Amino acid sequence: MEGVVKFACLVGFVVVVSIAGVDSAGECGKSTTPDNEAFKLAPCSSAAQDENASVSQSCCAQVKKIGQNPSCLCAVLLSNTAKMAGVNPQIAVTIPKRCNLANRPVGYKCGPYTLP
């Protein structure tokens, strides 16, 4: 019974946080957070840790989608979720270039890093 109560409280908390988040637009818009968007970059995990790792098509597709909003992409790459996944931001900012994305935000400041 105690586990059910804890789960119900957790669900209630998530709902409240989600509702509160809808009212304020962050770097990634009203409907999501950088930490939530970071999960979409799971296919990029090895490429974000090793500059010599190949970048998969699925990674490039997600980076292209999220990168349409450079401030969101930066927030995702610098998010707590990315940090906990072992992402090296200095390497991660090179992914758009490694994907050969034509419309990548070259020169965009991403915290202390600059997108090449």
PDB file of N, CA and C in Angstrom:
ATOM      1  N   MET A   1       0.820  -1.190   0.000  1.00  0.00           N
ATOM      2  CA  MET A   1       0.000   0.000   0.000  1.00  0.00           C
ATOM      3  C   MET A   1       0.869   1.262   0.000  1.00  0.00           C
ATOM      4  N   GLU A   2       1.975   1.205   0.763  1.00  0.00           N
ATOM      5  CA  GLU A   2       2.855   2.372   0.843  1.00  0.00           C
ATOM      6  C   GLU A   2       3.435   2.721  -0.522  1.00  0.00           C
ATOM      7  N   GLY A   3       3.801   1.704  -1.328  1.00  0.00           N
ATOM      8  CA  GLY A   3       4.340   1.935  -2.660  1.00  0.00           C
ATOM      9  C   GLY A   3       3.327   2.616  -3.570  1.00  0.00           C
ATOM     10  N   VAL A   4       2.044   2.235  -3.427  1.00  0.00           N
ATOM     11  CA  VAL A   4       0.983   2.832  -4.239  1.00  0.00           C
ATOM     12  C   VAL A   4       0.832   4.309  -3.898  1.00  0.00           C
ATOM     13  N   VAL A   5       0.901   4.623  -2.611  1.00  0.00           N
ATOM     14  CA  VAL A   5       0.769   6.014  -2.166  1.00  0.00           C
ATOM     15  C   VAL A   5       1.940   6.841  -2.696  1.00  0.00           C
ATOM     16  N   LYS A   6       3.162   6.302  -2.618  1.00  0.00           N
ATOM     17  CA  LYS A   6       4.330   7.023  -3.125  1.00  0.00           C
ATOM     18  C   LYS A   6       4.204   7.261  -4.623  1.00  0.00           C
ATOM     19  N   PHE A   7       3.749   6.239  -5.351  1.00  0.00           N
ATOM     20  CA  PHE A   7       3.579   6.378  -6.794  1.00  0.00           C
ATOM     21  C   PHE A   7       2.534   7.440  -7.115  1.00  0.00           C
ATOM     22  N   ALA A   8       1.423   7.417  -6.382  1.00  0.00           N
ATOM     23  CA  ALA A   8       0.354   8.401  -6.606  1.00  0.00           C
ATOM     24  C   ALA A   8       0.865   9.815  -6.339  1.00  0.00           C
ATOM     25  N   CYS A   9       1.671   9.976  -5.298  1.00  0.00           N
ATOM     26  CA  CYS A   9       2.246  11.296  -4.994  1.00  0.00           C
ATOM     27  C   CYS A   9       3.193  11.736  -6.100  1.00  0.00           C
ATOM     28  N   LEU A  10       3.998  10.796  -6.602  1.00  0.00           N
ATOM     29  CA  LEU A  10       4.926  11.120  -7.682  1.00  0.00           C
ATOM     30  C   LEU A  10       4.159  11.545  -8.926  1.00  0.00           C
ATOM     31  N   VAL A  11       3.130  10.814  -9.291  1.00  0.00           N
ATOM     32  CA  VAL A  11       2.315  11.150 -10.455  1.00  0.00           C
ATOM     33  C   VAL A  11       1.686  12.530 -10.264  1.00  0.00           C
ATOM     34  N   GLY A  12       1.159  12.796  -9.085  1.00  0.00           N
ATOM     35  CA  GLY A  12       0.562  14.099  -8.786  1.00  0.00           C
ATOM     36  C   GLY A  12       1.578  15.215  -8.926  1.00  0.00           C
ATOM     37  N   PHE A  13       2.788  14.986  -8.448  1.00  0.00           N
ATOM     38  CA  PHE A  13       3.849  15.982  -8.542  1.00  0.00           C
ATOM     39  C   PHE A  13       4.197  16.260 -10.006  1.00  0.00           C
ATOM     40  N   VAL A  14       4.341  15.202 -10.800  1.00  0.00           N
ATOM     41  CA  VAL A  14       4.669  15.358 -12.223  1.00  0.00           C
ATOM     42  C   VAL A  14       3.574  16.148 -12.939  1.00  0.00           C
ATOM     43  N   VAL A  15       2.322  15.855 -12.621  1.00  0.00           N
ATOM     44  CA  VAL A  15       1.202  16.571 -13.246  1.00  0.00           C
ATOM     45  C   VAL A  15       1.254  18.053 -12.885  1.00  0.00           C
ATOM     46  N   VAL A  16       1.493  18.364 -11.625  1.00  0.00           N
ATOM     47  CA  VAL A  16       1.559  19.754 -11.177  1.00  0.00           C
ATOM     48  C   VAL A  16       2.724  20.473 -11.857  1.00  0.00           C
ATOM     49  N   VAL A  17       3.876  19.835 -11.912  1.00  0.00           N
ATOM     50  CA  VAL A  17       5.042  20.446 -12.558  1.00  0.00           C
ATOM     51  C   VAL A  17       4.771  20.642 -14.044  1.00  0.00           C
ATOM     52  N   SER A  18       4.135  19.669 -14.679  1.00  0.00           N
ATOM     53  CA  SER A  18       3.816  19.785 -16.105  1.00  0.00           C
ATOM     54  C   SER A  18       2.871  20.951 -16.367  1.00  0.00           C
ATOM     55  N   ILE A  19       1.856  21.079 -15.533  1.00  0.00           N
ATOM     56  CA  ILE A  19       0.892  22.169 -15.698  1.00  0.00           C
ATOM     57  C   ILE A  19       1.573  23.507 -15.473  1.00  0.00           C
ATOM     58  N   ALA A  20       2.408  23.579 -14.453  1.00  0.00           N
ATOM     59  CA  ALA A  20       3.116  24.825 -14.167  1.00  0.00           C
ATOM     60  C   ALA A  20       4.060  25.167 -15.314  1.00  0.00           C
ATOM     61  N   GLY A  21       4.689  24.161 -15.918  1.00  0.00           N
ATOM     62  CA  GLY A  21       5.623  24.391 -17.010  1.00  0.00           C
ATOM     63  C   GLY A  21       4.955  24.893 -18.275  1.00  0.00           C
ATOM     64  N   VAL A  22       3.690  24.605 -18.451  1.00  0.00           N
ATOM     65  CA  VAL A  22       2.990  25.024 -19.664  1.00  0.00           C
ATOM     66  C   VAL A  22       2.821  26.539 -19.708  1.00  0.00           C
ATOM     67  N   ASP A  23       2.746  27.159 -18.550  1.00  0.00           N
ATOM     68  CA  ASP A  23       2.519  28.598 -18.490  1.00  0.00           C
ATOM     69  C   ASP A  23       3.754  29.414 -18.851  1.00  0.00           C
ATOM     70  N   SER A  24       4.925  28.837 -18.682  1.00  0.00           N
ATOM     71  CA  SER A  24       6.137  29.604 -18.947  1.00  0.00           C
ATOM     72  C   SER A  24       6.920  28.955 -20.075  1.00  0.00           C
ATOM     73  N   ALA A  25       7.266  29.735 -21.065  1.00  0.00           N
ATOM     74  CA  ALA A  25       8.028  29.227 -22.193  1.00  0.00           C
ATOM     75  C   ALA A  25       9.509  29.314 -21.874  1.00  0.00           C
ATOM     76  N   GLY A  26      10.189  28.188 -21.992  1.00  0.00           N
ATOM     77  CA  GLY A  26      11.625  28.157 -21.773  1.00  0.00           C
ATOM     78  C   GLY A  26      12.350  28.128 -23.106  1.00  0.00           C
ATOM     79  N   GLU A  27      13.607  27.718 -23.074  1.00  0.00           N
ATOM     80  CA  GLU A  27      14.414  27.675 -24.288  1.00  0.00           C
ATOM     81  C   GLU A  27      13.801  26.782 -25.366  1.00  0.00           C
ATOM     82  N   CYS A  28      13.094  25.737 -24.930  1.00  0.00           N
ATOM     83  CA  CYS A  28      12.550  24.763 -25.880  1.00  0.00           C
ATOM     84  C   CYS A  28      11.047  24.912 -26.072  1.00  0.00           C
ATOM     85  N   GLY A  29      10.492  26.038 -25.667  1.00  0.00           N
ATOM     86  CA  GLY A  29       9.071  26.284 -25.871  1.00  0.00           C
ATOM     87  C   GLY A  29       8.230  25.946 -24.661  1.00  0.00           C
ATOM     88  N   LYS A  30       6.941  26.065 -24.850  1.00  0.00           N
ATOM     89  CA  LYS A  30       6.007  25.868 -23.743  1.00  0.00           C
ATOM     90  C   LYS A  30       5.774  24.411 -23.388  1.00  0.00           C
ATOM     91  N   SER A  31       5.891  23.519 -24.363  1.00  0.00           N
ATOM     92  CA  SER A  31       5.445  22.151 -24.139  1.00  0.00           C
ATOM     93  C   SER A  31       6.530  21.189 -23.682  1.00  0.00           C
ATOM     94  N   THR A  32       7.779  21.615 -23.593  1.00  0.00           N
ATOM     95  CA  THR A  32       8.836  20.693 -23.194  1.00  0.00           C
ATOM     96  C   THR A  32       9.973  21.439 -22.494  1.00  0.00           C
ATOM     97  N   THR A  33      10.867  20.655 -21.902  1.00  0.00           N
ATOM     98  CA  THR A  33      12.029  21.218 -21.219  1.00  0.00           C
ATOM     99  C   THR A  33      13.300  20.682 -21.868  1.00  0.00           C
ATOM    100  N   PRO A  34      14.426  21.341 -21.657  1.00  0.00           N
ATOM    101  CA  PRO A  34      15.686  20.816 -22.193  1.00  0.00           C
ATOM    102  C   PRO A  34      15.970  19.394 -21.708  1.00  0.00           C
ATOM    103  N   ASP A  35      15.652  19.097 -20.448  1.00  0.00           N
ATOM    104  CA  ASP A  35      15.896  17.746 -19.941  1.00  0.00           C
ATOM    105  C   ASP A  35      15.044  16.719 -20.674  1.00  0.00           C
ATOM    106  N   ASN A  36      13.785  17.049 -20.978  1.00  0.00           N
ATOM    107  CA  ASN A  36      12.939  16.123 -21.738  1.00  0.00           C
ATOM    108  C   ASN A  36      13.447  15.964 -23.166  1.00  0.00           C
ATOM    109  N   GLU A  37      13.873  17.054 -23.778  1.00  0.00           N
ATOM    110  CA  GLU A  37      14.396  16.996 -25.140  1.00  0.00           C
ATOM    111  C   GLU A  37      15.690  16.182 -25.196  1.00  0.00           C
ATOM    112  N   ALA A  38      16.464  16.208 -24.114  1.00  0.00           N
ATOM    113  CA  ALA A  38      17.734  15.479 -24.078  1.00  0.00           C
ATOM    114  C   ALA A  38      17.533  13.988 -24.309  1.00  0.00           C
ATOM    115  N   PHE A  39      16.407  13.446 -23.853  1.00  0.00           N
ATOM    116  CA  PHE A  39      16.144  12.020 -24.058  1.00  0.00           C
ATOM    117  C   PHE A  39      16.046  11.687 -25.546  1.00  0.00           C
ATOM    118  N   LYS A  40      15.620  12.643 -26.350  1.00  0.00           N
ATOM    119  CA  LYS A  40      15.502  12.414 -27.795  1.00  0.00           C
ATOM    120  C   LYS A  40      16.872  12.290 -28.459  1.00  0.00           C
ATOM    121  N   LEU A  41      17.910  12.746 -27.760  1.00  0.00           N
ATOM    122  CA  LEU A  41      19.259  12.682 -28.318  1.00  0.00           C
ATOM    123  C   LEU A  41      20.011  11.436 -27.866  1.00  0.00           C
ATOM    124  N   ALA A  42      19.296  10.450 -27.371  1.00  0.00           N
ATOM    125  CA  ALA A  42      19.926   9.187 -26.956  1.00  0.00           C
ATOM    126  C   ALA A  42      20.781   8.572 -28.071  1.00  0.00           C
ATOM    127  N   PRO A  43      20.345   8.634 -29.348  1.00  0.00           N
ATOM    128  CA  PRO A  43      21.189   8.065 -30.406  1.00  0.00           C
ATOM    129  C   PRO A  43      22.536   8.778 -30.567  1.00  0.00           C
ATOM    130  N   CYS A  44      22.682   9.932 -29.920  1.00  0.00           N
ATOM    131  CA  CYS A  44      23.912  10.714 -30.033  1.00  0.00           C
ATOM    132  C   CYS A  44      24.889  10.449 -28.892  1.00  0.00           C
ATOM    133  N   SER A  45      24.557   9.549 -27.998  1.00  0.00           N
ATOM    134  CA  SER A  45      25.346   9.420 -26.765  1.00  0.00           C
ATOM    135  C   SER A  45      26.832   9.153 -27.019  1.00  0.00           C
ATOM    136  N   SER A  46      27.171   8.230 -27.896  1.00  0.00           N
ATOM    137  CA  SER A  46      28.601   7.968 -28.123  1.00  0.00           C
ATOM    138  C   SER A  46      29.270   9.127 -28.856  1.00  0.00           C
ATOM    139  N   ALA A  47      28.557   9.734 -29.809  1.00  0.00           N
ATOM    140  CA  ALA A  47      29.117  10.871 -30.554  1.00  0.00           C
ATOM    141  C   ALA A  47      29.317  12.089 -29.660  1.00  0.00           C
ATOM    142  N   ALA A  48      28.552  12.188 -28.581  1.00  0.00           N
ATOM    143  CA  ALA A  48      28.655  13.322 -27.667  1.00  0.00           C
ATOM    144  C   ALA A  48      29.739  13.108 -26.609  1.00  0.00           C
ATOM    145  N   GLN A  49      30.343  11.922 -26.616  1.00  0.00           N
ATOM    146  CA  GLN A  49      31.407  11.622 -25.664  1.00  0.00           C
ATOM    147  C   GLN A  49      32.759  11.423 -26.339  1.00  0.00           C
ATOM    148  N   ASP A  50      32.727  11.116 -27.647  1.00  0.00           N
ATOM    149  CA  ASP A  50      33.950  10.805 -28.378  1.00  0.00           C
ATOM    150  C   ASP A  50      33.904  11.491 -29.738  1.00  0.00           C
ATOM    151  N   GLU A  51      34.809  12.452 -29.945  1.00  0.00           N
ATOM    152  CA  GLU A  51      34.791  13.211 -31.189  1.00  0.00           C
ATOM    153  C   GLU A  51      35.138  12.369 -32.410  1.00  0.00           C
ATOM    154  N   ASN A  52      35.685  11.185 -32.192  1.00  0.00           N
ATOM    155  CA  ASN A  52      36.017  10.301 -33.312  1.00  0.00           C
ATOM    156  C   ASN A  52      34.926   9.274 -33.601  1.00  0.00           C
ATOM    157  N   ALA A  53      33.898   9.226 -32.771  1.00  0.00           N
ATOM    158  CA  ALA A  53      32.795   8.283 -32.982  1.00  0.00           C
ATOM    159  C   ALA A  53      31.954   8.747 -34.161  1.00  0.00           C
ATOM    160  N   SER A  54      31.442   7.781 -34.917  1.00  0.00           N
ATOM    161  CA  SER A  54      30.578   8.159 -36.034  1.00  0.00           C
ATOM    162  C   SER A  54      29.240   8.643 -35.485  1.00  0.00           C
ATOM    163  N   VAL A  55      28.615   9.525 -36.241  1.00  0.00           N
ATOM    164  CA  VAL A  55      27.333  10.102 -35.842  1.00  0.00           C
ATOM    165  C   VAL A  55      26.242   9.415 -36.665  1.00  0.00           C
ATOM    166  N   SER A  56      25.282   8.792 -35.983  1.00  0.00           N
ATOM    167  CA  SER A  56      24.240   8.040 -36.685  1.00  0.00           C
ATOM    168  C   SER A  56      23.238   8.963 -37.378  1.00  0.00           C
ATOM    169  N   GLN A  57      22.536   8.419 -38.368  1.00  0.00           N
ATOM    170  CA  GLN A  57      21.510   9.185 -39.074  1.00  0.00           C
ATOM    171  C   GLN A  57      20.399   9.599 -38.109  1.00  0.00           C
ATOM    172  N   SER A  58      20.046   8.709 -37.176  1.00  0.00           N
ATOM    173  CA  SER A  58      18.974   9.055 -36.225  1.00  0.00           C
ATOM    174  C   SER A  58      19.404  10.190 -35.306  1.00  0.00           C
ATOM    175  N   CYS A  59      20.684  10.215 -34.935  1.00  0.00           N
ATOM    176  CA  CYS A  59      21.212  11.323 -34.129  1.00  0.00           C
ATOM    177  C   CYS A  59      21.118  12.616 -34.926  1.00  0.00           C
ATOM    178  N   CYS A  60      21.588  12.588 -36.162  1.00  0.00           N
ATOM    179  CA  CYS A  60      21.577  13.797 -37.000  1.00  0.00           C
ATOM    180  C   CYS A  60      20.159  14.310 -37.229  1.00  0.00           C
ATOM    181  N   ALA A  61      19.214  13.390 -37.391  1.00  0.00           N
ATOM    182  CA  ALA A  61      17.820  13.806 -37.596  1.00  0.00           C
ATOM    183  C   ALA A  61      17.287  14.542 -36.371  1.00  0.00           C
ATOM    184  N   GLN A  62      17.605  14.046 -35.179  1.00  0.00           N
ATOM    185  CA  GLN A  62      17.146  14.705 -33.949  1.00  0.00           C
ATOM    186  C   GLN A  62      17.850  16.037 -33.739  1.00  0.00           C
ATOM    187  N   VAL A  63      19.156  16.082 -34.015  1.00  0.00           N
ATOM    188  CA  VAL A  63      19.910  17.329 -33.860  1.00  0.00           C
ATOM    189  C   VAL A  63      19.385  18.378 -34.839  1.00  0.00           C
ATOM    190  N   LYS A  64      19.068  17.957 -36.052  1.00  0.00           N
ATOM    191  CA  LYS A  64      18.526  18.884 -37.039  1.00  0.00           C
ATOM    192  C   LYS A  64      17.193  19.455 -36.559  1.00  0.00           C
ATOM    193  N   LYS A  65      16.357  18.586 -36.005  1.00  0.00           N
ATOM    194  CA  LYS A  65      15.029  19.011 -35.526  1.00  0.00           C
ATOM    195  C   LYS A  65      15.159  19.972 -34.342  1.00  0.00           C
ATOM    196  N   ILE A  66      15.911  19.571 -33.328  1.00  0.00           N
ATOM    197  CA  ILE A  66      16.071  20.405 -32.128  1.00  0.00           C
ATOM    198  C   ILE A  66      16.872  21.662 -32.464  1.00  0.00           C
ATOM    199  N   GLY A  67      17.847  21.536 -33.385  1.00  0.00           N
ATOM    200  CA  GLY A  67      18.716  22.647 -33.753  1.00  0.00           C
ATOM    201  C   GLY A  67      18.033  23.760 -34.513  1.00  0.00           C
ATOM    202  N   GLN A  68      16.774  23.558 -34.910  1.00  0.00           N
ATOM    203  CA  GLN A  68      16.029  24.649 -35.537  1.00  0.00           C
ATOM    204  C   GLN A  68      15.859  25.805 -34.553  1.00  0.00           C
ATOM    205  N   ASN A  69      15.977  25.479 -33.273  1.00  0.00           N
ATOM    206  CA  ASN A  69      15.959  26.476 -32.209  1.00  0.00           C
ATOM    207  C   ASN A  69      17.312  26.363 -31.496  1.00  0.00           C
ATOM    208  N   PRO A  70      18.327  27.142 -31.908  1.00  0.00           N
ATOM    209  CA  PRO A  70      19.670  27.003 -31.334  1.00  0.00           C
ATOM    210  C   PRO A  70      19.718  27.131 -29.811  1.00  0.00           C
ATOM    211  N   SER A  71      18.897  28.001 -29.227  1.00  0.00           N
ATOM    212  CA  SER A  71      18.939  28.143 -27.769  1.00  0.00           C
ATOM    213  C   SER A  71      18.434  26.874 -27.092  1.00  0.00           C
ATOM    214  N   CYS A  72      17.481  26.182 -27.717  1.00  0.00           N
ATOM    215  CA  CYS A  72      17.003  24.912 -27.179  1.00  0.00           C
ATOM    216  C   CYS A  72      18.101  23.859 -27.290  1.00  0.00           C
ATOM    217  N   LEU A  73      18.745  23.776 -28.457  1.00  0.00           N
ATOM    218  CA  LEU A  73      19.819  22.794 -28.638  1.00  0.00           C
ATOM    219  C   LEU A  73      20.909  22.991 -27.590  1.00  0.00           C
ATOM    220  N   CYS A  74      21.307  24.229 -27.361  1.00  0.00           N
ATOM    221  CA  CYS A  74      22.333  24.506 -26.345  1.00  0.00           C
ATOM    222  C   CYS A  74      21.853  24.098 -24.958  1.00  0.00           C
ATOM    223  N   ALA A  75      20.628  24.454 -24.632  1.00  0.00           N
ATOM    224  CA  ALA A  75      20.087  24.103 -23.318  1.00  0.00           C
ATOM    225  C   ALA A  75      20.046  22.587 -23.136  1.00  0.00           C
ATOM    226  N   VAL A  76      19.734  21.865 -24.212  1.00  0.00           N
ATOM    227  CA  VAL A  76      19.701  20.400 -24.150  1.00  0.00           C
ATOM    228  C   VAL A  76      21.106  19.857 -23.923  1.00  0.00           C
ATOM    229  N   LEU A  77      22.076  20.350 -24.688  1.00  0.00           N
ATOM    230  CA  LEU A  77      23.447  19.851 -24.569  1.00  0.00           C
ATOM    231  C   LEU A  77      24.064  20.167 -23.206  1.00  0.00           C
ATOM    232  N   LEU A  78      23.589  21.227 -22.570  1.00  0.00           N
ATOM    233  CA  LEU A  78      24.112  21.614 -21.259  1.00  0.00           C
ATOM    234  C   LEU A  78      23.195  21.187 -20.110  1.00  0.00           C
ATOM    235  N   SER A  79      22.150  20.428 -20.406  1.00  0.00           N
ATOM    236  CA  SER A  79      21.157  20.043 -19.396  1.00  0.00           C
ATOM    237  C   SER A  79      21.720  19.034 -18.391  1.00  0.00           C
ATOM    238  N   ASN A  80      21.040  18.929 -17.257  1.00  0.00           N
ATOM    239  CA  ASN A  80      21.417  17.950 -16.242  1.00  0.00           C
ATOM    240  C   ASN A  80      21.311  16.533 -16.789  1.00  0.00           C
ATOM    241  N   THR A  81      20.299  16.275 -17.601  1.00  0.00           N
ATOM    242  CA  THR A  81      20.127  14.944 -18.183  1.00  0.00           C
ATOM    243  C   THR A  81      21.325  14.584 -19.050  1.00  0.00           C
ATOM    244  N   ALA A  82      21.771  15.533 -19.868  1.00  0.00           N
ATOM    245  CA  ALA A  82      22.936  15.289 -20.719  1.00  0.00           C
ATOM    246  C   ALA A  82      24.181  15.046 -19.863  1.00  0.00           C
ATOM    247  N   LYS A  83      24.351  15.839 -18.829  1.00  0.00           N
ATOM    248  CA  LYS A  83      25.506  15.658 -17.931  1.00  0.00           C
ATOM    249  C   LYS A  83      25.495  14.279 -17.308  1.00  0.00           C
ATOM    250  N   MET A  84      24.319  13.863 -16.809  1.00  0.00           N
ATOM    251  CA  MET A  84      24.208  12.555 -16.156  1.00  0.00           C
ATOM    252  C   MET A  84      24.438  11.416 -17.146  1.00  0.00           C
ATOM    253  N   ALA A  85      24.196  11.659 -18.437  1.00  0.00           N
ATOM    254  CA  ALA A  85      24.417  10.645 -19.464  1.00  0.00           C
ATOM    255  C   ALA A  85      25.871  10.603 -19.919  1.00  0.00           C
ATOM    256  N   GLY A  86      26.688  11.497 -19.386  1.00  0.00           N
ATOM    257  CA  GLY A  86      28.107  11.504 -19.718  1.00  0.00           C
ATOM    258  C   GLY A  86      28.469  12.332 -20.940  1.00  0.00           C
ATOM    259  N   VAL A  87      27.559  13.213 -21.346  1.00  0.00           N
ATOM    260  CA  VAL A  87      27.814  14.069 -22.513  1.00  0.00           C
ATOM    261  C   VAL A  87      28.926  15.059 -22.183  1.00  0.00           C
ATOM    262  N   ASN A  88      29.867  15.182 -23.101  1.00  0.00           N
ATOM    263  CA  ASN A  88      30.925  16.181 -22.993  1.00  0.00           C
ATOM    264  C   ASN A  88      30.476  17.350 -23.867  1.00  0.00           C
ATOM    265  N   PRO A  89      30.045  18.458 -23.268  1.00  0.00           N
ATOM    266  CA  PRO A  89      29.513  19.578 -24.064  1.00  0.00           C
ATOM    267  C   PRO A  89      30.470  20.076 -25.140  1.00  0.00           C
ATOM    268  N   GLN A  90      31.764  20.063 -24.844  1.00  0.00           N
ATOM    269  CA  GLN A  90      32.759  20.538 -25.818  1.00  0.00           C
ATOM    270  C   GLN A  90      32.743  19.665 -27.076  1.00  0.00           C
ATOM    271  N   ILE A  91      32.481  18.390 -26.920  1.00  0.00           N
ATOM    272  CA  ILE A  91      32.384  17.472 -28.060  1.00  0.00           C
ATOM    273  C   ILE A  91      30.981  17.525 -28.656  1.00  0.00           C
ATOM    274  N   ALA A  92      29.969  17.606 -27.791  1.00  0.00           N
ATOM    275  CA  ALA A  92      28.572  17.588 -28.256  1.00  0.00           C
ATOM    276  C   ALA A  92      28.272  18.748 -29.205  1.00  0.00           C
ATOM    277  N   VAL A  93      28.854  19.910 -28.974  1.00  0.00           N
ATOM    278  CA  VAL A  93      28.570  21.063 -29.850  1.00  0.00           C
ATOM    279  C   VAL A  93      29.115  20.862 -31.263  1.00  0.00           C
ATOM    280  N   THR A  94      29.971  19.856 -31.451  1.00  0.00           N
ATOM    281  CA  THR A  94      30.506  19.585 -32.785  1.00  0.00           C
ATOM    282  C   THR A  94      29.584  18.684 -33.608  1.00  0.00           C
ATOM    283  N   ILE A  95      28.565  18.109 -32.989  1.00  0.00           N
ATOM    284  CA  ILE A  95      27.693  17.163 -33.696  1.00  0.00           C
ATOM    285  C   ILE A  95      26.994  17.789 -34.903  1.00  0.00           C
ATOM    286  N   PRO A  96      26.417  18.992 -34.807  1.00  0.00           N
ATOM    287  CA  PRO A  96      25.779  19.543 -36.016  1.00  0.00           C
ATOM    288  C   PRO A  96      26.738  19.623 -37.205  1.00  0.00           C
ATOM    289  N   LYS A  97      27.996  19.993 -36.960  1.00  0.00           N
ATOM    290  CA  LYS A  97      28.980  20.054 -38.038  1.00  0.00           C
ATOM    291  C   LYS A  97      29.301  18.650 -38.534  1.00  0.00           C
ATOM    292  N   ARG A  98      29.455  17.705 -37.602  1.00  0.00           N
ATOM    293  CA  ARG A  98      29.764  16.321 -37.976  1.00  0.00           C
ATOM    294  C   ARG A  98      28.615  15.680 -38.746  1.00  0.00           C
ATOM    295  N   CYS A  99      27.412  16.208 -38.571  1.00  0.00           N
ATOM    296  CA  CYS A  99      26.253  15.734 -39.333  1.00  0.00           C
ATOM    297  C   CYS A  99      26.157  16.422 -40.693  1.00  0.00           C
ATOM    298  N   ASN A 100      27.044  17.374 -40.933  1.00  0.00           N
ATOM    299  CA  ASN A 100      27.030  18.159 -42.174  1.00  0.00           C
ATOM    300  C   ASN A 100      25.705  18.885 -42.376  1.00  0.00           C
ATOM    301  N   LEU A 101      25.161  19.429 -41.289  1.00  0.00           N
ATOM    302  CA  LEU A 101      23.901  20.167 -41.384  1.00  0.00           C
ATOM    303  C   LEU A 101      24.169  21.523 -42.025  1.00  0.00           C
ATOM    304  N   ALA A 102      23.534  21.767 -43.140  1.00  0.00           N
ATOM    305  CA  ALA A 102      23.774  22.988 -43.912  1.00  0.00           C
ATOM    306  C   ALA A 102      23.339  24.243 -43.157  1.00  0.00           C
ATOM    307  N   ASN A 103      22.245  24.172 -42.450  1.00  0.00           N
ATOM    308  CA  ASN A 103      21.700  25.357 -41.772  1.00  0.00           C
ATOM    309  C   ASN A 103      22.011  25.383 -40.281  1.00  0.00           C
ATOM    310  N   ARG A 104      23.122  24.798 -39.893  1.00  0.00           N
ATOM    311  CA  ARG A 104      23.474  24.790 -38.471  1.00  0.00           C
ATOM    312  C   ARG A 104      23.872  26.206 -38.038  1.00  0.00           C
ATOM    313  N   PRO A 105      23.679  26.518 -36.764  1.00  0.00           N
ATOM    314  CA  PRO A 105      23.975  27.877 -36.278  1.00  0.00           C
ATOM    315  C   PRO A 105      25.466  28.090 -35.996  1.00  0.00           C
ATOM    316  N   VAL A 106      26.266  28.187 -37.050  1.00  0.00           N
ATOM    317  CA  VAL A 106      27.721  28.367 -36.913  1.00  0.00           C
ATOM    318  C   VAL A 106      28.007  29.631 -36.109  1.00  0.00           C
ATOM    319  N   GLY A 107      28.890  29.511 -35.123  1.00  0.00           N
ATOM    320  CA  GLY A 107      29.284  30.658 -34.320  1.00  0.00           C
ATOM    321  C   GLY A 107      28.356  30.954 -33.153  1.00  0.00           C
ATOM    322  N   TYR A 108      27.286  30.177 -33.013  1.00  0.00           N
ATOM    323  CA  TYR A 108      26.332  30.405 -31.925  1.00  0.00           C
ATOM    324  C   TYR A 108      26.994  30.067 -30.592  1.00  0.00           C
ATOM    325  N   LYS A 109      26.898  30.986 -29.638  1.00  0.00           N
ATOM    326  CA  LYS A 109      27.473  30.764 -28.308  1.00  0.00           C
ATOM    327  C   LYS A 109      26.552  29.867 -27.508  1.00  0.00           C
ATOM    328  N   CYS A 110      27.132  28.789 -27.015  1.00  0.00           N
ATOM    329  CA  CYS A 110      26.398  27.792 -26.250  1.00  0.00           C
ATOM    330  C   CYS A 110      27.093  27.685 -24.891  1.00  0.00           C
ATOM    331  N   GLY A 111      26.704  28.560 -23.965  1.00  0.00           N
ATOM    332  CA  GLY A 111      27.446  28.638 -22.699  1.00  0.00           C
ATOM    333  C   GLY A 111      28.856  29.067 -23.026  1.00  0.00           C
ATOM    334  N   PRO A 112      29.867  28.371 -22.494  1.00  0.00           N
ATOM    335  CA  PRO A 112      31.250  28.735 -22.782  1.00  0.00           C
ATOM    336  C   PRO A 112      31.748  28.177 -24.124  1.00  0.00           C
ATOM    337  N   TYR A 113      30.883  27.489 -24.869  1.00  0.00           N
ATOM    338  CA  TYR A 113      31.276  26.839 -26.117  1.00  0.00           C
ATOM    339  C   TYR A 113      30.670  27.590 -27.317  1.00  0.00           C
ATOM    340  N   THR A 114      31.304  27.434 -28.468  1.00  0.00           N
ATOM    341  CA  THR A 114      30.822  28.029 -29.713  1.00  0.00           C
ATOM    342  C   THR A 114      30.617  26.924 -30.716  1.00  0.00           C
ATOM    343  N   LEU A 115      29.438  26.906 -31.352  1.00  0.00           N
ATOM    344  CA  LEU A 115      29.164  25.870 -32.351  1.00  0.00           C
ATOM    345  C   LEU A 115      30.016  26.113 -33.595  1.00  0.00           C
ATOM    346  N   PRO A 116      30.756  25.077 -34.013  1.00  0.00           N
ATOM    347  CA  PRO A 116      31.603  25.228 -35.204  1.00  0.00           C
ATOM    348  C   PRO A 116      30.787  25.143 -36.498  1.00  0.00           C
TER     349      PRO A 116
END
